[in-house]
Amino acid sequence: MPANMSDRKKIYLERKKKGLCPRCGNKRKKSSKYIICDDCREFYRNYSNSRSEEINETRRSVYEIRKENHQCPRCGKKLGKRYKNLICPVCLEKQYAYNKR
């Protein structure tokens, strides 16, 4: 695949016009309602799922570490020893403003 963006777009449009998969260039089924072939769709679906799991695991671990260290799990600010809420006042205010919309 060419590195130049305009060349890639030309190849994409040519393949799409010919009825081929724009990603790999293989023939698509005529009955398919998708532009991308089934193999490429499967690849994207699996990649998205695995990537989402990695991101979620990282977020969970950061949340737990911050919670143990008495930090705000969202921004990481150190919370006072007498502060009872889990989230800092700034993040709470943002959350309240978001919920009011």
N, C-alpha and C. Protein backbone atom coordinates (compact mmCIF):
# COMPACT_ATOMS: atom_id res chain seq x y z
N MET A 1 0.85 -1.17 0.00
CA MET A 1 0.00 0.00 0.00
C MET A 1 0.90 1.23 0.00
N PRO A 2 0.64 2.21 -0.86
CA PRO A 2 1.45 3.42 -0.94
C PRO A 2 1.34 4.25 0.34
N ALA A 3 2.42 4.98 0.61
CA ALA A 3 2.46 5.81 1.82
C ALA A 3 1.73 7.13 1.61
N ASN A 4 1.64 7.58 0.38
CA ASN A 4 1.01 8.86 0.10
C ASN A 4 -0.51 8.74 0.25
N MET A 5 -1.09 9.69 0.93
CA MET A 5 -2.52 9.65 1.22
C MET A 5 -3.37 9.72 -0.05
N SER A 6 -3.00 10.55 -1.00
CA SER A 6 -3.80 10.69 -2.22
C SER A 6 -3.74 9.41 -3.06
N ASP A 7 -2.58 8.73 -3.07
CA ASP A 7 -2.47 7.47 -3.81
C ASP A 7 -3.34 6.39 -3.18
N ARG A 8 -3.35 6.36 -1.86
CA ARG A 8 -4.18 5.38 -1.17
C ARG A 8 -5.66 5.62 -1.45
N LYS A 9 -6.05 6.87 -1.47
CA LYS A 9 -7.45 7.19 -1.74
C LYS A 9 -7.83 6.79 -3.17
N LYS A 10 -6.90 7.01 -4.12
CA LYS A 10 -7.17 6.61 -5.51
C LYS A 10 -7.37 5.10 -5.61
N ILE A 11 -6.49 4.35 -4.94
CA ILE A 11 -6.60 2.89 -4.97
C ILE A 11 -7.91 2.45 -4.33
N TYR A 12 -8.25 3.08 -3.21
CA TYR A 12 -9.50 2.77 -2.51
C TYR A 12 -10.69 2.98 -3.44
N LEU A 13 -10.74 4.13 -4.10
CA LEU A 13 -11.87 4.46 -4.97
C LEU A 13 -11.92 3.54 -6.19
N GLU A 14 -10.75 3.20 -6.75
CA GLU A 14 -10.71 2.30 -7.90
C GLU A 14 -11.26 0.92 -7.53
N ARG A 15 -10.79 0.39 -6.40
CA ARG A 15 -11.24 -0.92 -5.96
C ARG A 15 -12.75 -0.91 -5.67
N LYS A 16 -13.20 0.16 -5.04
CA LYS A 16 -14.62 0.27 -4.70
C LYS A 16 -15.47 0.30 -5.97
N LYS A 17 -15.00 1.05 -6.98
CA LYS A 17 -15.73 1.17 -8.24
C LYS A 17 -15.81 -0.18 -8.96
N LYS A 18 -14.75 -0.97 -8.87
CA LYS A 18 -14.70 -2.28 -9.54
C LYS A 18 -15.48 -3.35 -8.78
N GLY A 19 -15.92 -3.02 -7.56
CA GLY A 19 -16.66 -4.01 -6.76
C GLY A 19 -15.75 -4.90 -5.94
N LEU A 20 -14.51 -4.46 -5.73
CA LEU A 20 -13.57 -5.22 -4.92
C LEU A 20 -13.52 -4.65 -3.51
N CYS A 21 -12.95 -5.42 -2.62
CA CYS A 21 -12.76 -4.94 -1.25
C CYS A 21 -11.69 -3.85 -1.29
N PRO A 22 -11.98 -2.64 -0.80
CA PRO A 22 -11.00 -1.55 -0.86
C PRO A 22 -9.76 -1.80 -0.01
N ARG A 23 -9.87 -2.65 0.99
CA ARG A 23 -8.74 -2.89 1.88
C ARG A 23 -7.75 -3.89 1.28
N CYS A 24 -8.27 -5.06 0.84
CA CYS A 24 -7.36 -6.12 0.38
C CYS A 24 -7.41 -6.35 -1.12
N GLY A 25 -8.45 -5.89 -1.81
CA GLY A 25 -8.56 -6.05 -3.26
C GLY A 25 -9.20 -7.36 -3.69
N ASN A 26 -9.67 -8.18 -2.75
CA ASN A 26 -10.35 -9.43 -3.11
C ASN A 26 -11.78 -9.14 -3.54
N LYS A 27 -12.35 -10.09 -4.28
CA LYS A 27 -13.73 -9.94 -4.72
C LYS A 27 -14.67 -10.09 -3.53
N ARG A 28 -15.72 -9.28 -3.56
CA ARG A 28 -16.76 -9.37 -2.54
C ARG A 28 -17.90 -10.19 -3.09
N LYS A 29 -18.73 -10.71 -2.19
CA LYS A 29 -19.93 -11.39 -2.62
C LYS A 29 -20.90 -10.34 -3.16
N LYS A 30 -21.58 -10.67 -4.22
CA LYS A 30 -22.53 -9.71 -4.82
C LYS A 30 -23.72 -9.46 -3.91
N SER A 31 -24.04 -10.43 -3.08
CA SER A 31 -25.18 -10.28 -2.19
C SER A 31 -24.83 -9.48 -0.93
N SER A 32 -23.55 -9.20 -0.73
CA SER A 32 -23.12 -8.48 0.48
C SER A 32 -23.53 -7.02 0.40
N LYS A 33 -24.02 -6.49 1.51
CA LYS A 33 -24.41 -5.09 1.54
C LYS A 33 -23.27 -4.20 2.05
N TYR A 34 -22.12 -4.79 2.38
CA TYR A 34 -20.99 -4.05 2.90
C TYR A 34 -19.94 -3.81 1.82
N ILE A 35 -19.17 -2.75 1.97
CA ILE A 35 -18.12 -2.43 1.02
C ILE A 35 -16.92 -3.33 1.23
N ILE A 36 -16.62 -3.64 2.48
CA ILE A 36 -15.45 -4.44 2.83
C ILE A 36 -15.84 -5.92 2.83
N CYS A 37 -14.92 -6.79 2.40
CA CYS A 37 -15.20 -8.23 2.33
C CYS A 37 -15.35 -8.82 3.73
N ASP A 38 -15.88 -10.04 3.78
CA ASP A 38 -16.14 -10.69 5.06
C ASP A 38 -14.87 -10.93 5.87
N ASP A 39 -13.77 -11.27 5.20
CA ASP A 39 -12.51 -11.52 5.90
C ASP A 39 -12.00 -10.25 6.58
N CYS A 40 -12.06 -9.14 5.88
CA CYS A 40 -11.60 -7.87 6.44
C CYS A 40 -12.52 -7.41 7.56
N ARG A 41 -13.82 -7.62 7.41
CA ARG A 41 -14.76 -7.28 8.47
C ARG A 41 -14.48 -8.09 9.72
N GLU A 42 -14.18 -9.36 9.54
CA GLU A 42 -13.83 -10.24 10.67
C GLU A 42 -12.56 -9.73 11.36
N PHE A 43 -11.57 -9.35 10.57
CA PHE A 43 -10.32 -8.82 11.12
C PHE A 43 -10.59 -7.58 11.96
N TYR A 44 -11.35 -6.63 11.42
CA TYR A 44 -11.64 -5.39 12.15
C TYR A 44 -12.43 -5.68 13.43
N ARG A 45 -13.38 -6.60 13.34
CA ARG A 45 -14.20 -6.93 14.50
C ARG A 45 -13.34 -7.53 15.62
N ASN A 46 -12.48 -8.47 15.27
CA ASN A 46 -11.61 -9.09 16.27
C ASN A 46 -10.60 -8.10 16.83
N TYR A 47 -10.06 -7.25 15.98
CA TYR A 47 -9.08 -6.26 16.43
C TYR A 47 -9.73 -5.30 17.41
N SER A 48 -10.91 -4.83 17.11
CA SER A 48 -11.61 -3.89 17.98
C SER A 48 -11.89 -4.51 19.34
N ASN A 49 -12.34 -5.75 19.34
CA ASN A 49 -12.66 -6.42 20.61
C ASN A 49 -11.42 -6.61 21.46
N SER A 50 -10.33 -7.05 20.86
CA SER A 50 -9.11 -7.29 21.64
C SER A 50 -8.54 -5.96 22.15
N ARG A 51 -8.58 -4.94 21.34
CA ARG A 51 -8.06 -3.63 21.74
C ARG A 51 -8.90 -3.05 22.88
N SER A 52 -10.21 -3.22 22.80
CA SER A 52 -11.09 -2.71 23.85
C SER A 52 -10.79 -3.39 25.18
N GLU A 53 -10.54 -4.69 25.15
CA GLU A 53 -10.21 -5.41 26.37
C GLU A 53 -8.92 -4.90 26.99
N GLU A 54 -7.91 -4.64 26.16
CA GLU A 54 -6.64 -4.11 26.67
C GLU A 54 -6.85 -2.75 27.34
N ILE A 55 -7.60 -1.90 26.70
CA ILE A 55 -7.85 -0.56 27.25
C ILE A 55 -8.62 -0.66 28.56
N ASN A 56 -9.63 -1.52 28.61
CA ASN A 56 -10.42 -1.68 29.83
C ASN A 56 -9.58 -2.21 30.98
N GLU A 57 -8.70 -3.17 30.70
CA GLU A 57 -7.83 -3.72 31.75
C GLU A 57 -6.92 -2.63 32.31
N THR A 58 -6.36 -1.81 31.43
CA THR A 58 -5.48 -0.73 31.87
C THR A 58 -6.25 0.27 32.74
N ARG A 59 -7.43 0.63 32.30
CA ARG A 59 -8.24 1.59 33.06
C ARG A 59 -8.62 1.04 34.43
N ARG A 60 -8.97 -0.24 34.48
CA ARG A 60 -9.33 -0.85 35.76
C ARG A 60 -8.15 -0.84 36.73
N SER A 61 -6.98 -1.18 36.22
CA SER A 61 -5.81 -1.22 37.10
C SER A 61 -5.45 0.17 37.62
N VAL A 62 -5.51 1.18 36.76
CA VAL A 62 -5.24 2.56 37.18
C VAL A 62 -6.26 2.99 38.22
N TYR A 63 -7.52 2.65 38.01
CA TYR A 63 -8.58 3.00 38.95
C TYR A 63 -8.30 2.40 40.32
N GLU A 64 -7.95 1.12 40.36
CA GLU A 64 -7.71 0.44 41.63
C GLU A 64 -6.48 1.01 42.34
N ILE A 65 -5.43 1.29 41.60
CA ILE A 65 -4.21 1.85 42.20
C ILE A 65 -4.50 3.21 42.80
N ARG A 66 -5.20 4.05 42.07
CA ARG A 66 -5.52 5.39 42.57
C ARG A 66 -6.45 5.32 43.78
N LYS A 67 -7.36 4.40 43.76
CA LYS A 67 -8.28 4.24 44.87
C LYS A 67 -7.52 3.82 46.14
N GLU A 68 -6.58 2.90 46.01
CA GLU A 68 -5.77 2.46 47.15
C GLU A 68 -4.89 3.58 47.70
N ASN A 69 -4.38 4.43 46.83
CA ASN A 69 -3.50 5.53 47.25
C ASN A 69 -4.26 6.78 47.66
N HIS A 70 -5.58 6.68 47.78
CA HIS A 70 -6.45 7.78 48.17
C HIS A 70 -6.28 8.98 47.22
N GLN A 71 -6.38 8.66 45.92
CA GLN A 71 -6.34 9.67 44.86
C GLN A 71 -7.68 9.62 44.12
N CYS A 72 -7.96 10.72 43.45
CA CYS A 72 -9.15 10.75 42.61
C CYS A 72 -8.93 9.78 41.45
N PRO A 73 -9.83 8.83 41.23
CA PRO A 73 -9.63 7.85 40.16
C PRO A 73 -9.68 8.45 38.75
N ARG A 74 -10.26 9.63 38.60
CA ARG A 74 -10.37 10.24 37.28
C ARG A 74 -9.16 11.07 36.91
N CYS A 75 -8.75 11.97 37.82
CA CYS A 75 -7.66 12.89 37.46
C CYS A 75 -6.35 12.57 38.19
N GLY A 76 -6.41 11.82 39.28
CA GLY A 76 -5.20 11.44 39.99
C GLY A 76 -4.77 12.40 41.09
N LYS A 77 -5.58 13.42 41.37
CA LYS A 77 -5.23 14.36 42.44
C LYS A 77 -5.27 13.65 43.78
N LYS A 78 -4.34 14.02 44.64
CA LYS A 78 -4.31 13.46 45.98
C LYS A 78 -5.47 14.05 46.79
N LEU A 79 -6.22 13.19 47.44
CA LEU A 79 -7.36 13.62 48.25
C LEU A 79 -6.92 13.74 49.70
N GLY A 80 -7.52 14.66 50.43
CA GLY A 80 -7.19 14.83 51.84
C GLY A 80 -7.60 13.62 52.65
N LYS A 81 -6.99 13.46 53.83
CA LYS A 81 -7.29 12.29 54.65
C LYS A 81 -8.72 12.32 55.18
N ARG A 82 -9.27 13.49 55.41
CA ARG A 82 -10.62 13.60 55.93
C ARG A 82 -11.68 13.65 54.83
N TYR A 83 -11.25 13.74 53.60
CA TYR A 83 -12.20 13.81 52.47
C TYR A 83 -12.88 12.46 52.32
N LYS A 84 -14.21 12.44 52.34
CA LYS A 84 -14.96 11.19 52.38
C LYS A 84 -15.36 10.67 51.01
N ASN A 85 -15.54 11.56 50.04
CA ASN A 85 -15.95 11.11 48.70
C ASN A 85 -14.79 10.44 47.98
N LEU A 86 -15.12 9.63 47.01
CA LEU A 86 -14.10 8.94 46.23
C LEU A 86 -13.52 9.83 45.15
N ILE A 87 -14.33 10.73 44.60
CA ILE A 87 -13.92 11.60 43.50
C ILE A 87 -13.68 13.01 44.03
N CYS A 88 -12.67 13.70 43.49
CA CYS A 88 -12.33 15.04 43.96
C CYS A 88 -13.45 16.04 43.62
N PRO A 89 -13.49 17.19 44.30
CA PRO A 89 -14.57 18.17 44.06
C PRO A 89 -14.62 18.69 42.62
N VAL A 90 -13.46 18.86 42.00
CA VAL A 90 -13.44 19.36 40.61
C VAL A 90 -14.11 18.36 39.67
N CYS A 91 -13.75 17.09 39.79
CA CYS A 91 -14.35 16.05 38.93
C CYS A 91 -15.82 15.85 39.24
N LEU A 92 -16.19 15.98 40.52
CA LEU A 92 -17.61 15.88 40.89
C LEU A 92 -18.41 17.00 40.23
N GLU A 93 -17.86 18.21 40.27
CA GLU A 93 -18.54 19.36 39.66
C GLU A 93 -18.73 19.14 38.16
N LYS A 94 -17.68 18.61 37.51
CA LYS A 94 -17.78 18.32 36.07
C LYS A 94 -18.87 17.29 35.81
N GLN A 95 -18.92 16.27 36.66
CA GLN A 95 -19.92 15.22 36.49
C GLN A 95 -21.33 15.76 36.70
N TYR A 96 -21.52 16.61 37.71
CA TYR A 96 -22.83 17.22 37.94
C TYR A 96 -23.24 18.07 36.74
N ALA A 97 -22.33 18.86 36.22
CA ALA A 97 -22.63 19.71 35.07
C ALA A 97 -22.99 18.86 33.85
N TYR A 98 -22.29 17.78 33.66
CA TYR A 98 -22.54 16.88 32.52
C TYR A 98 -23.93 16.25 32.66
N ASN A 99 -24.27 15.81 33.88
CA ASN A 99 -25.56 15.15 34.11
C ASN A 99 -26.73 16.11 33.96
N LYS A 100 -26.54 17.39 34.24
CA LYS A 100 -27.62 18.37 34.15
C LYS A 100 -28.01 18.65 32.70
N ARG A 101 -27.08 18.46 31.77
CA ARG A 101 -27.37 18.74 30.36
C ARG A 101 -28.34 17.80 29.82
